[in-house]
Protein backbone atom coordinates (compact mmCIF):
# COMPACT_ATOMS: atom_id res chain seq x y z
CA MET A 1 123.73 93.92 77.44
CA SER A 2 124.88 90.30 77.18
CA ASN A 3 124.29 88.67 73.81
CA ASP A 4 121.77 86.22 75.31
CA ARG A 5 119.50 89.24 75.86
CA TRP A 6 119.89 90.73 72.40
CA GLY A 7 116.52 91.34 70.81
CA TYR A 8 114.59 91.37 74.06
CA THR A 9 112.68 94.38 75.38
CA GLU A 10 111.53 94.24 78.98
CA TYR A 11 108.20 95.71 80.03
CA THR A 12 107.81 96.48 83.72
CA ILE A 13 104.60 97.12 85.60
CA ILE A 14 105.13 100.85 85.05
CA ASP A 15 105.24 100.24 81.29
CA ARG A 16 101.92 98.43 81.70
CA VAL A 17 100.46 101.42 83.55
CA GLN A 18 101.62 103.75 80.79
CA GLU A 19 99.96 101.55 78.15
CA ILE A 20 96.69 101.69 80.11
CA GLU A 21 96.90 105.48 80.26
CA LYS A 22 97.58 105.65 76.51
CA ALA A 23 94.64 103.34 75.81
CA LEU A 24 92.35 105.57 77.86
CA LYS A 25 93.46 108.64 75.93
CA LYS A 26 92.69 106.85 72.68
CA LYS A 27 89.28 105.73 74.05
CA MET A 28 90.28 102.06 73.83
CA TYR A 29 88.30 101.27 76.95
CA GLN A 30 88.12 97.48 76.62
CA SER A 31 91.89 97.24 76.23
CA ALA A 32 92.48 99.64 79.12
CA LEU A 33 90.12 97.78 81.44
CA ALA A 34 91.49 94.33 80.57
CA LEU A 35 95.07 95.43 81.26
CA ALA A 36 94.14 97.42 84.36
CA LEU A 37 92.39 94.43 85.92
CA THR A 38 95.74 92.59 85.90
CA LEU A 39 97.53 95.20 88.06
CA PRO A 40 96.30 93.80 91.41
CA ASP A 41 97.49 90.37 90.29
CA ILE A 42 101.03 91.69 89.92
CA CYS A 43 101.08 93.98 92.94
CA GLY A 44 99.27 91.45 95.12
CA GLY A 45 101.87 88.86 94.12
CA ILE A 46 104.59 91.18 95.40
CA MET A 47 102.73 92.04 98.61
CA CYS A 48 101.59 88.49 99.46
CA PRO A 49 103.89 86.15 97.49
CA ASN A 50 102.84 83.01 99.34
CA ALA A 51 99.08 83.54 99.21
CA ASP A 52 96.73 82.20 96.56
CA THR A 53 95.74 84.37 93.61
CA GLY A 54 92.30 85.38 94.85
CA PHE A 55 93.45 86.29 98.35
CA ARG A 56 96.35 88.47 97.27
CA TYR A 57 94.30 90.19 94.54
CA LYS A 58 91.54 91.15 97.00
CA ALA A 59 93.95 92.05 99.81
CA TRP A 60 95.96 94.45 97.65
CA PHE A 61 92.86 96.02 96.08
CA ASN A 62 91.16 96.53 99.44
CA LYS A 63 94.25 98.17 100.90
CA TYR A 64 95.17 100.50 98.03
CA VAL A 65 92.05 101.03 95.89
CA THR A 66 88.86 100.36 97.88
CA PRO A 67 89.35 103.47 100.12
CA LYS A 68 88.94 105.61 96.98
CA TYR A 69 85.28 104.54 96.78
CA LEU A 70 82.29 105.59 98.87
CA PRO A 71 80.40 103.28 101.21
CA LYS A 72 76.95 102.00 100.34
CA CYS A 73 74.61 104.57 101.88
CA LEU A 74 70.88 104.92 102.34
CA PRO A 75 69.02 107.75 104.10
CA LYS A 76 69.92 107.72 107.80
CA VAL A 77 72.02 104.60 107.29
CA CYS A 78 75.68 104.45 106.31
CA ASP A 79 77.81 101.38 106.89
CA SER A 80 81.35 102.54 106.10
CA THR A 81 82.58 98.94 105.91
CA LYS A 82 80.33 98.23 102.92
CA ARG A 83 82.20 99.94 100.08
CA ILE A 84 80.33 99.90 96.78
CA ILE A 85 83.56 98.79 95.08
CA ASN A 86 85.82 96.33 96.86
CA GLY A 87 88.36 93.63 96.17
CA GLU A 88 85.83 90.80 96.10
CA ILE A 89 83.62 92.45 93.50
CA ILE A 90 86.50 93.55 91.27
CA TYR A 91 88.14 90.12 91.51
CA LYS A 92 84.90 88.57 90.29
CA LEU A 93 84.75 91.17 87.50
CA ARG A 94 88.36 90.37 86.59
CA CYS A 95 87.61 86.65 86.34
CA ALA A 96 84.46 87.19 84.27
CA TYR A 97 85.96 89.84 82.01
CA LEU A 98 89.32 88.20 81.32
CA HIS A 99 88.27 84.56 81.26
CA SER A 100 84.82 84.70 79.69
CA GLY A 101 84.57 88.13 78.08
CA GLU A 102 81.62 88.99 80.32
CA ASP A 103 81.04 92.29 82.08
CA ARG A 104 78.63 91.13 84.78
CA VAL A 105 79.29 89.77 88.25
CA SER A 106 76.73 87.33 89.63
CA ASN A 107 74.06 88.91 91.80
CA GLY A 108 74.75 86.44 94.57
CA GLU A 109 78.40 87.43 94.88
CA ILE A 110 77.53 91.12 95.20
CA LYS A 111 74.79 90.42 97.74
CA LYS A 112 77.27 88.62 99.99
CA GLN A 113 79.48 91.68 99.95
CA LEU A 114 77.02 94.56 100.17
CA CYS A 115 73.82 93.43 101.87
CA GLY A 116 73.55 95.04 105.29
CA LYS A 117 71.16 95.44 108.22
CA GLU A 118 69.32 98.18 106.33
CA ASP A 119 68.23 95.54 103.80
CA LYS A 120 66.66 93.22 106.36
CA GLY A 121 63.13 92.22 105.40
CA TYR A 122 63.62 92.96 101.70
CA THR A 123 64.24 90.71 98.74
CA VAL A 124 67.41 92.34 97.46
CA SER A 125 69.07 92.26 94.05
CA PHE A 126 72.14 93.99 92.64
CA ASN A 127 72.99 94.91 89.09
CA LEU A 128 76.57 95.81 88.17
CA ILE A 129 76.84 98.22 85.22
CA LEU A 130 80.06 99.35 83.51
CA THR A 131 79.86 102.97 82.33
CA LEU A 132 81.97 105.73 80.81
CA ASP A 133 80.35 108.68 82.54
CA MET A 134 78.56 107.56 85.72
CA GLU A 135 79.61 106.26 89.10
CA GLY A 136 77.74 105.43 92.26
CA ILE A 137 74.82 103.39 93.48
CA MET A 138 71.07 103.80 93.02
CA CYS A 139 68.37 102.06 95.03
CA ASN A 140 64.80 101.39 93.95
CA THR A 141 62.14 99.97 96.26
CA ASP A 142 58.79 98.69 95.05
CA SER A 143 55.50 100.25 96.21
CA GLU A 144 54.91 97.46 98.72
CA GLU A 145 58.42 97.90 100.09
CA SER A 146 59.22 94.22 99.79
CA LEU A 147 61.70 94.36 96.91
CA ARG A 148 64.87 96.44 96.82
CA GLN A 149 67.03 96.71 93.72
CA TYR A 150 70.45 98.32 93.66
CA GLU A 151 72.23 99.43 90.52
CA ILE A 152 75.98 99.87 90.91
CA TYR A 153 77.62 102.01 88.25
CA ILE A 154 81.35 101.49 87.76
CA ASN A 155 83.08 104.18 85.73
CA ILE A 156 85.67 102.32 83.64
CA ARG A 157 87.87 105.37 83.22
CA LYS A 158 87.92 106.08 86.96
CA LEU A 159 88.50 102.43 87.86
CA CYS A 160 91.47 102.26 85.48
CA LYS A 161 92.79 105.58 86.79
CA ASN A 162 92.46 104.46 90.41
CA LEU A 163 94.24 101.19 89.66
CA CYS A 164 97.06 103.02 87.87
CA GLU A 165 97.48 105.59 90.64
CA ALA A 166 97.48 102.91 93.34
CA THR A 167 100.05 100.87 91.40
CA LYS A 168 102.39 103.83 90.91
CA PHE A 169 102.13 104.64 94.61
CA TYR A 170 102.78 101.02 95.57
CA VAL A 171 105.90 100.57 93.41
CA GLU A 172 107.29 104.06 94.07
CA GLY A 173 109.90 102.89 96.54
CA MET A 174 110.93 99.73 94.71
CA GLU A 175 114.38 99.17 93.30
CA ARG A 176 114.83 98.64 89.56
CA ASN A 177 115.68 94.95 90.02
CA GLU A 178 112.47 94.42 92.02
CA LEU A 179 110.42 95.91 89.18
CA CYS A 180 112.25 93.83 86.59
CA SER A 181 111.53 90.65 88.54
CA LYS A 182 107.89 91.16 87.57
CA ALA A 183 108.65 92.25 84.01
CA SER A 184 107.60 90.52 80.83
CA SER A 185 109.79 90.31 77.71
CA LEU A 186 109.17 90.53 73.99
CA TYR A 187 111.65 89.34 71.39
CA SER A 188 112.24 91.09 68.07
CA SER A 189 114.68 89.98 65.36
CA VAL A 190 114.96 93.64 64.29
CA GLN A 191 115.91 94.59 67.86
CA TRP A 192 118.45 91.74 67.89
CA HIS A 193 120.33 93.32 64.96
CA ILE A 194 120.16 96.74 66.63
CA ASP A 195 121.59 95.33 69.86
CA ARG A 196 124.33 93.52 67.97
CA LYS A 197 125.36 96.71 66.15
CA GLU A 198 125.41 98.60 69.45
CA PHE A 199 127.60 95.91 70.99
CA GLU A 200 130.07 96.00 68.07
CA LYS A 201 130.11 99.79 68.20
CA GLU A 202 131.04 99.74 71.90
CA ARG A 203 133.88 97.27 71.25
CA ARG A 204 135.62 99.53 68.77
């Protein structure tokens, strides 16, 4: 290690995944979710380096994570293109959660993504709910069959796990230098002295 890098520890995207997994084991769900929601930012930046942030986030998520989720289904109706979790919804969650500390995505954004022909004639609303032990979608229709309310349950642990698994799969074939190009660094004066001692030891 050159002396201009003494004291620095690099953290790659795999280190980030491992921290998310540790946080989940320790039931630090807010920390795990916040860090996990950044994974598509990094991977999407590698996959679509010239695209804007939102496009690459959604594109990567839809390709590697969305297929892990079921489509929105009603009796006798199943539109496989309407996945209950997709890049658009999770990107909106990411923006709300990381920028404002909120856990809700606006009803209008979800409606644009999930409303289908089966909802024609109804006044439709969606409610996004983060959970630790439930996943799926529930639909309630009023007695006059004019209002339809969906509740979408997102299991935080499963979302984090799916993001971690997709990330590990995506970076599996990358070279070390490719991973390091997306690494972050932390400096420590204690580590600087350790690195210096190691350097002097190697010179003897």
